[in-house]
């Protein structure tokens, strides 16, 4: 198993998206002899960070919670209380 797949951070909210993003990011690294270029063969002669690398980093951010989740119960009040009640009854209603 690849090293980047072993430890999923506790802030990850979408595990599948995060795993895919880390796989793509791991495959699109800077070239060791030319760090300004992507080493992936699909990105021959493209500058690093290449579009797949940038997309992978955005996907990693999207798959990670940016704010702590709320705990407890939320109290919801609405000005639309009763708004969905039928205005008339159907003649065939029981």
PDB file of N, CA and C in Angstrom:
ATOM      1  N   UNK A   1       0.850  -1.182   0.000  1.00  0.00           N
ATOM      2  CA  UNK A   1       0.000   0.000   0.000  1.00  0.00           C
ATOM      3  C   UNK A   1       0.892   1.241   0.000  1.00  0.00           C
ATOM      4  N   UNK A   2       0.526   2.216  -0.796  1.00  0.00           N
ATOM      5  CA  UNK A   2       1.305   3.451  -0.880  1.00  0.00           C
ATOM      6  C   UNK A   2       1.280   4.199   0.448  1.00  0.00           C
ATOM      7  N   UNK A   3       2.379   4.865   0.740  1.00  0.00           N
ATOM      8  CA  UNK A   3       2.514   5.559   2.018  1.00  0.00           C
ATOM      9  C   UNK A   3       1.427   6.616   2.230  1.00  0.00           C
ATOM     10  N   UNK A   4       1.055   7.329   1.175  1.00  0.00           N
ATOM     11  CA  UNK A   4       0.059   8.389   1.324  1.00  0.00           C
ATOM     12  C   UNK A   4      -1.345   7.834   1.599  1.00  0.00           C
ATOM     13  N   UNK A   5      -1.575   6.535   1.443  1.00  0.00           N
ATOM     14  CA  UNK A   5      -2.890   5.934   1.699  1.00  0.00           C
ATOM     15  C   UNK A   5      -2.998   5.351   3.100  1.00  0.00           C
ATOM     16  N   UNK A   6      -1.925   5.318   3.844  1.00  0.00           N
ATOM     17  CA  UNK A   6      -1.933   4.663   5.151  1.00  0.00           C
ATOM     18  C   UNK A   6      -2.617   5.484   6.238  1.00  0.00           C
ATOM     19  N   UNK A   7      -2.357   6.746   6.277  1.00  0.00           N
ATOM     20  CA  UNK A   7      -2.882   7.579   7.361  1.00  0.00           C
ATOM     21  C   UNK A   7      -3.806   8.650   6.801  1.00  0.00           C
ATOM     22  N   UNK A   8      -5.081   8.413   6.910  1.00  0.00           N
ATOM     23  CA  UNK A   8      -6.064   9.394   6.458  1.00  0.00           C
ATOM     24  C   UNK A   8      -6.307  10.368   7.613  1.00  0.00           C
ATOM     25  N   UNK A   9      -6.102  11.658   7.399  1.00  0.00           N
ATOM     26  CA  UNK A   9      -6.291  12.633   8.482  1.00  0.00           C
ATOM     27  C   UNK A   9      -7.720  12.607   9.028  1.00  0.00           C
ATOM     28  N   UNK A  10      -7.865  12.908  10.302  1.00  0.00           N
ATOM     29  CA  UNK A  10      -9.192  12.890  10.927  1.00  0.00           C
ATOM     30  C   UNK A  10     -10.094  14.010  10.415  1.00  0.00           C
ATOM     31  N   UNK A  11      -9.537  14.986   9.722  1.00  0.00           N
ATOM     32  CA  UNK A  11     -10.337  16.088   9.183  1.00  0.00           C
ATOM     33  C   UNK A  11     -10.962  15.770   7.828  1.00  0.00           C
ATOM     34  N   UNK A  12     -10.635  14.598   7.259  1.00  0.00           N
ATOM     35  CA  UNK A  12     -11.172  14.225   5.949  1.00  0.00           C
ATOM     36  C   UNK A  12     -12.647  13.861   6.092  1.00  0.00           C
ATOM     37  N   UNK A  13     -13.473  14.493   5.253  1.00  0.00           N
ATOM     38  CA  UNK A  13     -14.916  14.233   5.279  1.00  0.00           C
ATOM     39  C   UNK A  13     -15.360  13.390   4.097  1.00  0.00           C
ATOM     40  N   UNK A  14     -14.587  13.354   3.025  1.00  0.00           N
ATOM     41  CA  UNK A  14     -14.897  12.546   1.843  1.00  0.00           C
ATOM     42  C   UNK A  14     -13.672  11.680   1.543  1.00  0.00           C
ATOM     43  N   UNK A  15     -13.674  10.477   2.091  1.00  0.00           N
ATOM     44  CA  UNK A  15     -12.505   9.598   2.017  1.00  0.00           C
ATOM     45  C   UNK A  15     -12.186   9.210   0.577  1.00  0.00           C
ATOM     46  N   UNK A  16     -13.190   8.869  -0.211  1.00  0.00           N
ATOM     47  CA  UNK A  16     -12.927   8.453  -1.599  1.00  0.00           C
ATOM     48  C   UNK A  16     -12.312   9.578  -2.422  1.00  0.00           C
ATOM     49  N   UNK A  17     -12.840  10.783  -2.284  1.00  0.00           N
ATOM     50  CA  UNK A  17     -12.280  11.928  -3.003  1.00  0.00           C
ATOM     51  C   UNK A  17     -10.850  12.196  -2.537  1.00  0.00           C
ATOM     52  N   UNK A  18     -10.613  12.112  -1.235  1.00  0.00           N
ATOM     53  CA  UNK A  18      -9.286  12.360  -0.697  1.00  0.00           C
ATOM     54  C   UNK A  18      -8.289  11.320  -1.207  1.00  0.00           C
ATOM     55  N   UNK A  19      -8.677  10.035  -1.230  1.00  0.00           N
ATOM     56  CA  UNK A  19      -7.784   8.983  -1.721  1.00  0.00           C
ATOM     57  C   UNK A  19      -7.456   9.174  -3.202  1.00  0.00           C
ATOM     58  N   UNK A  20      -8.454   9.500  -4.002  1.00  0.00           N
ATOM     59  CA  UNK A  20      -8.211   9.747  -5.423  1.00  0.00           C
ATOM     60  C   UNK A  20      -7.277  10.945  -5.605  1.00  0.00           C
ATOM     61  N   UNK A  21      -7.530  12.002  -4.860  1.00  0.00           N
ATOM     62  CA  UNK A  21      -6.700  13.203  -4.966  1.00  0.00           C
ATOM     63  C   UNK A  21      -5.260  12.926  -4.553  1.00  0.00           C
ATOM     64  N   UNK A  22      -5.068  12.143  -3.498  1.00  0.00           N
ATOM     65  CA  UNK A  22      -3.699  11.846  -3.069  1.00  0.00           C
ATOM     66  C   UNK A  22      -2.993  10.940  -4.072  1.00  0.00           C
ATOM     67  N   UNK A  23      -3.735  10.034  -4.712  1.00  0.00           N
ATOM     68  CA  UNK A  23      -3.136   9.194  -5.760  1.00  0.00           C
ATOM     69  C   UNK A  23      -2.657  10.047  -6.934  1.00  0.00           C
ATOM     70  N   UNK A  24      -3.499  10.987  -7.359  1.00  0.00           N
ATOM     71  CA  UNK A  24      -3.131  11.856  -8.486  1.00  0.00           C
ATOM     72  C   UNK A  24      -1.954  12.753  -8.090  1.00  0.00           C
ATOM     73  N   UNK A  25      -1.995  13.321  -6.893  1.00  0.00           N
ATOM     74  CA  UNK A  25      -0.899  14.183  -6.437  1.00  0.00           C
ATOM     75  C   UNK A  25       0.412  13.410  -6.351  1.00  0.00           C
ATOM     76  N   UNK A  26       0.352  12.167  -5.907  1.00  0.00           N
ATOM     77  CA  UNK A  26       1.564  11.344  -5.817  1.00  0.00           C
ATOM     78  C   UNK A  26       2.109  11.010  -7.199  1.00  0.00           C
ATOM     79  N   UNK A  27       1.228  10.886  -8.191  1.00  0.00           N
ATOM     80  CA  UNK A  27       1.660  10.546  -9.548  1.00  0.00           C
ATOM     81  C   UNK A  27       2.181  11.753 -10.324  1.00  0.00           C
ATOM     82  N   UNK A  28       1.871  12.945  -9.871  1.00  0.00           N
ATOM     83  CA  UNK A  28       2.277  14.175 -10.575  1.00  0.00           C
ATOM     84  C   UNK A  28       3.182  14.996  -9.669  1.00  0.00           C
ATOM     85  N   UNK A  29       4.425  14.600  -9.611  1.00  0.00           N
ATOM     86  CA  UNK A  29       5.443  15.261  -8.805  1.00  0.00           C
ATOM     87  C   UNK A  29       6.422  15.993  -9.721  1.00  0.00           C
ATOM     88  N   UNK A  30       7.185  16.939  -9.181  1.00  0.00           N
ATOM     89  CA  UNK A  30       8.182  17.607 -10.020  1.00  0.00           C
ATOM     90  C   UNK A  30       9.275  16.627 -10.444  1.00  0.00           C
ATOM     91  N   UNK A  31       9.787  16.842 -11.626  1.00  0.00           N
ATOM     92  CA  UNK A  31      10.850  15.994 -12.159  1.00  0.00           C
ATOM     93  C   UNK A  31      12.113  16.197 -11.320  1.00  0.00           C
ATOM     94  N   UNK A  32      12.796  15.102 -10.932  1.00  0.00           N
ATOM     95  CA  UNK A  32      13.975  15.242 -10.073  1.00  0.00           C
ATOM     96  C   UNK A  32      15.104  16.075 -10.678  1.00  0.00           C
ATOM     97  N   UNK A  33      15.295  16.001 -11.999  1.00  0.00           N
ATOM     98  CA  UNK A  33      16.376  16.773 -12.640  1.00  0.00           C
ATOM     99  C   UNK A  33      15.920  18.115 -13.173  1.00  0.00           C
ATOM    100  N   UNK A  34      14.606  18.301 -13.265  1.00  0.00           N
ATOM    101  CA  UNK A  34      14.063  19.555 -13.768  1.00  0.00           C
ATOM    102  C   UNK A  34      12.809  19.889 -12.956  1.00  0.00           C
ATOM    103  N   UNK A  35      12.980  20.457 -11.745  1.00  0.00           N
ATOM    104  CA  UNK A  35      11.844  20.676 -10.845  1.00  0.00           C
ATOM    105  C   UNK A  35      10.746  21.592 -11.386  1.00  0.00           C
ATOM    106  N   UNK A  36      11.022  22.304 -12.454  1.00  0.00           N
ATOM    107  CA  UNK A  36      10.013  23.170 -13.050  1.00  0.00           C
ATOM    108  C   UNK A  36       9.067  22.428 -13.980  1.00  0.00           C
ATOM    109  N   UNK A  37       9.276  21.113 -14.152  1.00  0.00           N
ATOM    110  CA  UNK A  37       8.461  20.288 -15.041  1.00  0.00           C
ATOM    111  C   UNK A  37       7.876  19.114 -14.286  1.00  0.00           C
ATOM    112  N   UNK A  38       6.707  18.638 -14.718  1.00  0.00           N
ATOM    113  CA  UNK A  38       6.062  17.474 -14.104  1.00  0.00           C
ATOM    114  C   UNK A  38       6.768  16.209 -14.582  1.00  0.00           C
ATOM    115  N   UNK A  39       6.958  15.255 -13.677  1.00  0.00           N
ATOM    116  CA  UNK A  39       7.649  14.007 -14.012  1.00  0.00           C
ATOM    117  C   UNK A  39       6.722  12.978 -14.650  1.00  0.00           C
ATOM    118  N   UNK A  40       5.407  13.170 -14.576  1.00  0.00           N
ATOM    119  CA  UNK A  40       4.466  12.203 -15.125  1.00  0.00           C
ATOM    120  C   UNK A  40       4.519  12.231 -16.658  1.00  0.00           C
ATOM    121  N   UNK A  41       4.546  11.057 -17.275  1.00  0.00           N
ATOM    122  CA  UNK A  41       4.636  10.979 -18.741  1.00  0.00           C
ATOM    123  C   UNK A  41       3.438  11.601 -19.448  1.00  0.00           C
ATOM    124  N   UNK A  42       2.286  11.626 -18.793  1.00  0.00           N
ATOM    125  CA  UNK A  42       1.111  12.256 -19.408  1.00  0.00           C
ATOM    126  C   UNK A  42       1.244  13.774 -19.477  1.00  0.00           C
ATOM    127  N   UNK A  43       2.171  14.303 -18.721  1.00  0.00           N
ATOM    128  CA  UNK A  43       2.360  15.758 -18.675  1.00  0.00           C
ATOM    129  C   UNK A  43       3.699  16.160 -19.287  1.00  0.00           C
ATOM    130  N   UNK A  44       4.159  15.437 -20.275  1.00  0.00           N
ATOM    131  CA  UNK A  44       5.447  15.712 -20.909  1.00  0.00           C
ATOM    132  C   UNK A  44       5.541  17.180 -21.307  1.00  0.00           C
ATOM    133  N   UNK A  45       6.618  17.799 -20.862  1.00  0.00           N
ATOM    134  CA  UNK A  45       6.938  19.197 -21.157  1.00  0.00           C
ATOM    135  C   UNK A  45       5.976  20.209 -20.522  1.00  0.00           C
ATOM    136  N   UNK A  46       5.144  19.787 -19.593  1.00  0.00           N
ATOM    137  CA  UNK A  46       4.266  20.746 -18.911  1.00  0.00           C
ATOM    138  C   UNK A  46       4.951  21.269 -17.662  1.00  0.00           C
ATOM    139  N   UNK A  47       4.709  22.516 -17.375  1.00  0.00           N
ATOM    140  CA  UNK A  47       5.272  23.129 -16.174  1.00  0.00           C
ATOM    141  C   UNK A  47       4.662  22.496 -14.936  1.00  0.00           C
ATOM    142  N   UNK A  48       5.470  22.450 -13.864  1.00  0.00           N
ATOM    143  CA  UNK A  48       4.969  21.960 -12.577  1.00  0.00           C
ATOM    144  C   UNK A  48       4.684  23.162 -11.701  1.00  0.00           C
ATOM    145  N   UNK A  49       3.550  23.200 -11.018  1.00  0.00           N
ATOM    146  CA  UNK A  49       2.520  22.176 -10.924  1.00  0.00           C
ATOM    147  C   UNK A  49       1.644  22.145 -12.167  1.00  0.00           C
ATOM    148  N   UNK A  50       1.440  20.952 -12.671  1.00  0.00           N
ATOM    149  CA  UNK A  50       0.631  20.728 -13.868  1.00  0.00           C
ATOM    150  C   UNK A  50      -0.856  20.797 -13.490  1.00  0.00           C
ATOM    151  N   UNK A  51      -1.746  20.896 -14.471  1.00  0.00           N
ATOM    152  CA  UNK A  51      -3.176  20.949 -14.164  1.00  0.00           C
ATOM    153  C   UNK A  51      -3.677  19.780 -13.301  1.00  0.00           C
ATOM    154  N   UNK A  52      -3.282  18.503 -13.566  1.00  0.00           N
ATOM    155  CA  UNK A  52      -3.747  17.433 -12.683  1.00  0.00           C
ATOM    156  C   UNK A  52      -3.264  17.604 -11.238  1.00  0.00           C
ATOM    157  N   UNK A  53      -2.063  18.100 -11.063  1.00  0.00           N
ATOM    158  CA  UNK A  53      -1.537  18.329  -9.717  1.00  0.00           C
ATOM    159  C   UNK A  53      -2.334  19.418  -9.004  1.00  0.00           C
ATOM    160  N   UNK A  54      -2.613  20.497  -9.706  1.00  0.00           N
ATOM    161  CA  UNK A  54      -3.407  21.587  -9.110  1.00  0.00           C
ATOM    162  C   UNK A  54      -4.816  21.105  -8.774  1.00  0.00           C
ATOM    163  N   UNK A  55      -5.421  20.343  -9.680  1.00  0.00           N
ATOM    164  CA  UNK A  55      -6.763  19.804  -9.417  1.00  0.00           C
ATOM    165  C   UNK A  55      -6.756  18.858  -8.222  1.00  0.00           C
ATOM    166  N   UNK A  56      -5.709  18.050  -8.110  1.00  0.00           N
ATOM    167  CA  UNK A  56      -5.608  17.104  -6.992  1.00  0.00           C
ATOM    168  C   UNK A  56      -5.515  17.850  -5.666  1.00  0.00           C
ATOM    169  N   UNK A  57      -4.759  18.924  -5.634  1.00  0.00           N
ATOM    170  CA  UNK A  57      -4.639  19.696  -4.390  1.00  0.00           C
ATOM    171  C   UNK A  57      -5.958  20.377  -4.035  1.00  0.00           C
ATOM    172  N   UNK A  58      -6.696  20.852  -5.033  1.00  0.00           N
ATOM    173  CA  UNK A  58      -8.020  21.435  -4.767  1.00  0.00           C
ATOM    174  C   UNK A  58      -8.980  20.368  -4.264  1.00  0.00           C
ATOM    175  N   UNK A  59      -8.905  19.160  -4.833  1.00  0.00           N
ATOM    176  CA  UNK A  59      -9.776  18.069  -4.396  1.00  0.00           C
ATOM    177  C   UNK A  59      -9.453  17.651  -2.968  1.00  0.00           C
ATOM    178  N   UNK A  60      -8.167  17.646  -2.609  1.00  0.00           N
ATOM    179  CA  UNK A  60      -7.787  17.329  -1.228  1.00  0.00           C
ATOM    180  C   UNK A  60      -8.386  18.353  -0.268  1.00  0.00           C
ATOM    181  N   UNK A  61      -8.351  19.607  -0.644  1.00  0.00           N
ATOM    182  CA  UNK A  61      -8.933  20.654   0.199  1.00  0.00           C
ATOM    183  C   UNK A  61     -10.448  20.491   0.301  1.00  0.00           C
ATOM    184  N   UNK A  62     -11.084  20.137  -0.822  1.00  0.00           N
ATOM    185  CA  UNK A  62     -12.541  19.957  -0.818  1.00  0.00           C
ATOM    186  C   UNK A  62     -12.952  18.754   0.027  1.00  0.00           C
ATOM    187  N   UNK A  63     -12.093  17.753   0.108  1.00  0.00           N
ATOM    188  CA  UNK A  63     -12.410  16.542   0.865  1.00  0.00           C
ATOM    189  C   UNK A  63     -12.099  16.673   2.342  1.00  0.00           C
ATOM    190  N   UNK A  64     -11.559  17.803   2.734  1.00  0.00           N
ATOM    191  CA  UNK A  64     -11.167  18.023   4.126  1.00  0.00           C
ATOM    192  C   UNK A  64     -12.038  19.101   4.740  1.00  0.00           C
ATOM    193  N   UNK A  65     -12.482  18.848   5.967  1.00  0.00           N
ATOM    194  CA  UNK A  65     -13.302  19.828   6.677  1.00  0.00           C
ATOM    195  C   UNK A  65     -12.457  21.057   6.991  1.00  0.00           C
ATOM    196  N   UNK A  66     -12.972  22.222   6.662  1.00  0.00           N
ATOM    197  CA  UNK A  66     -12.248  23.454   6.950  1.00  0.00           C
ATOM    198  C   UNK A  66     -12.631  24.008   8.314  1.00  0.00           C
ATOM    199  N   UNK A  67     -13.793  23.639   8.798  1.00  0.00           N
ATOM    200  CA  UNK A  67     -14.249  24.094  10.108  1.00  0.00           C
ATOM    201  C   UNK A  67     -14.602  22.883  10.953  1.00  0.00           C
ATOM    202  N   UNK A  68     -14.436  22.999  12.254  1.00  0.00           N
ATOM    203  CA  UNK A  68     -14.863  21.887  13.098  1.00  0.00           C
ATOM    204  C   UNK A  68     -16.377  21.710  13.010  1.00  0.00           C
ATOM    205  N   UNK A  69     -16.800  20.480  13.072  1.00  0.00           N
ATOM    206  CA  UNK A  69     -18.234  20.203  13.014  1.00  0.00           C
ATOM    207  C   UNK A  69     -18.921  20.616  14.304  1.00  0.00           C
ATOM    208  N   UNK A  70     -20.146  21.082  14.151  1.00  0.00           N
ATOM    209  CA  UNK A  70     -20.927  21.472  15.324  1.00  0.00           C
ATOM    210  C   UNK A  70     -21.331  20.235  16.106  1.00  0.00           C
ATOM    211  N   UNK A  71     -21.393  20.393  17.396  1.00  0.00           N
ATOM    212  CA  UNK A  71     -21.818  19.283  18.249  1.00  0.00           C
ATOM    213  C   UNK A  71     -23.112  19.678  18.936  1.00  0.00           C
ATOM    214  N   UNK A  72     -23.904  18.682  19.281  1.00  0.00           N
ATOM    215  CA  UNK A  72     -25.170  18.965  19.957  1.00  0.00           C
ATOM    216  C   UNK A  72     -26.284  19.164  18.954  1.00  0.00           C
ATOM    217  N   UNK A  73     -27.368  19.734  19.430  1.00  0.00           N
ATOM    218  CA  UNK A  73     -28.533  19.937  18.577  1.00  0.00           C
ATOM    219  C   UNK A  73     -28.709  21.408  18.275  1.00  0.00           C
ATOM    220  N   UNK A  74     -29.045  21.684  17.056  1.00  0.00           N
ATOM    221  CA  UNK A  74     -29.300  23.062  16.649  1.00  0.00           C
ATOM    222  C   UNK A  74     -30.769  23.385  16.850  1.00  0.00           C
ATOM    223  N   UNK A  75     -31.052  24.603  17.248  1.00  0.00           N
ATOM    224  CA  UNK A  75     -32.430  25.040  17.398  1.00  0.00           C
ATOM    225  C   UNK A  75     -32.797  25.821  16.149  1.00  0.00           C
ATOM    226  N   UNK A  76     -33.820  25.357  15.454  1.00  0.00           N
ATOM    227  CA  UNK A  76     -34.220  25.974  14.203  1.00  0.00           C
ATOM    228  C   UNK A  76     -35.577  26.627  14.384  1.00  0.00           C
ATOM    229  N   UNK A  77     -35.642  27.888  14.030  1.00  0.00           N
ATOM    230  CA  UNK A  77     -36.920  28.591  14.045  1.00  0.00           C
ATOM    231  C   UNK A  77     -37.216  29.010  12.620  1.00  0.00           C
ATOM    232  N   UNK A  78     -38.471  29.044  12.283  1.00  0.00           N
ATOM    233  CA  UNK A  78     -38.816  29.362  10.912  1.00  0.00           C
ATOM    234  C   UNK A  78     -40.022  30.273  10.859  1.00  0.00           C
ATOM    235  N   UNK A  79     -39.957  31.220   9.939  1.00  0.00           N
ATOM    236  CA  UNK A  79     -41.096  32.089   9.686  1.00  0.00           C
ATOM    237  C   UNK A  79     -42.109  31.383   8.789  1.00  0.00           C
ATOM    238  N   UNK A  80     -41.764  30.213   8.286  1.00  0.00           N
ATOM    239  CA  UNK A  80     -42.626  29.495   7.356  1.00  0.00           C
ATOM    240  C   UNK A  80     -43.437  28.390   8.041  1.00  0.00           C
ATOM    241  N   UNK A  81     -43.553  28.436   9.361  1.00  0.00           N
ATOM    242  CA  UNK A  81     -44.304  27.415  10.074  1.00  0.00           C
ATOM    243  C   UNK A  81     -45.739  27.380   9.556  1.00  0.00           C
ATOM    244  N   UNK A  82     -46.189  26.204   9.160  1.00  0.00           N
ATOM    245  CA  UNK A  82     -47.536  26.046   8.637  1.00  0.00           C
ATOM    246  C   UNK A  82     -47.672  26.397   7.162  1.00  0.00           C
ATOM    247  N   UNK A  83     -46.615  26.768   6.539  1.00  0.00           N
ATOM    248  CA  UNK A  83     -46.649  27.195   5.151  1.00  0.00           C
ATOM    249  C   UNK A  83     -47.015  26.053   4.218  1.00  0.00           C
ATOM    250  N   UNK A  84     -46.696  24.832   4.577  1.00  0.00           N
ATOM    251  CA  UNK A  84     -46.951  23.703   3.701  1.00  0.00           C
ATOM    252  C   UNK A  84     -48.280  23.004   3.976  1.00  0.00           C
ATOM    253  N   UNK A  85     -49.114  23.548   4.813  1.00  0.00           N
ATOM    254  CA  UNK A  85     -50.432  22.958   5.049  1.00  0.00           C
ATOM    255  C   UNK A  85     -51.309  23.162   3.827  1.00  0.00           C
ATOM    256  N   UNK A  86     -52.132  22.157   3.493  1.00  0.00           N
ATOM    257  CA  UNK A  86     -53.013  22.337   2.327  1.00  0.00           C
ATOM    258  C   UNK A  86     -54.034  23.442   2.580  1.00  0.00           C
ATOM    259  N   UNK A  87     -54.318  24.215   1.553  1.00  0.00           N
ATOM    260  CA  UNK A  87     -55.286  25.309   1.704  1.00  0.00           C
ATOM    261  C   UNK A  87     -56.727  24.813   1.590  1.00  0.00           C
ATOM    262  N   UNK A  88     -56.892  23.644   0.994  1.00  0.00           N
ATOM    263  CA  UNK A  88     -58.208  23.035   0.911  1.00  0.00           C
ATOM    264  C   UNK A  88     -58.044  21.534   0.949  1.00  0.00           C
ATOM    265  N   UNK A  89     -59.093  20.855   1.283  1.00  0.00           N
ATOM    266  CA  UNK A  89     -59.004  19.391   1.337  1.00  0.00           C
ATOM    267  C   UNK A  89     -59.490  18.811   0.029  1.00  0.00           C
ATOM    268  N   UNK A  90     -58.923  17.709  -0.324  1.00  0.00           N
ATOM    269  CA  UNK A  90     -59.290  17.007  -1.545  1.00  0.00           C
ATOM    270  C   UNK A  90     -60.592  16.236  -1.267  1.00  0.00           C
ATOM    271  N   UNK A  91     -61.578  16.255  -2.170  1.00  0.00           N
ATOM    272  CA  UNK A  91     -62.864  15.578  -1.897  1.00  0.00           C
ATOM    273  C   UNK A  91     -62.732  14.069  -1.698  1.00  0.00           C
ATOM    274  N   UNK A  92     -61.696  13.453  -2.246  1.00  0.00           N
ATOM    275  CA  UNK A  92     -61.532  12.017  -2.107  1.00  0.00           C
ATOM    276  C   UNK A  92     -60.632  11.631  -0.955  1.00  0.00           C
ATOM    277  N   UNK A  93     -60.177  12.603  -0.194  1.00  0.00           N
ATOM    278  CA  UNK A  93     -59.289  12.305   0.934  1.00  0.00           C
ATOM    279  C   UNK A  93     -60.073  11.602   2.033  1.00  0.00           C
ATOM    280  N   UNK A  94     -59.427  10.688   2.686  1.00  0.00           N
ATOM    281  CA  UNK A  94     -60.094   9.923   3.746  1.00  0.00           C
ATOM    282  C   UNK A  94     -60.160  10.691   5.016  1.00  0.00           C
TER     283      UNK A  94
END
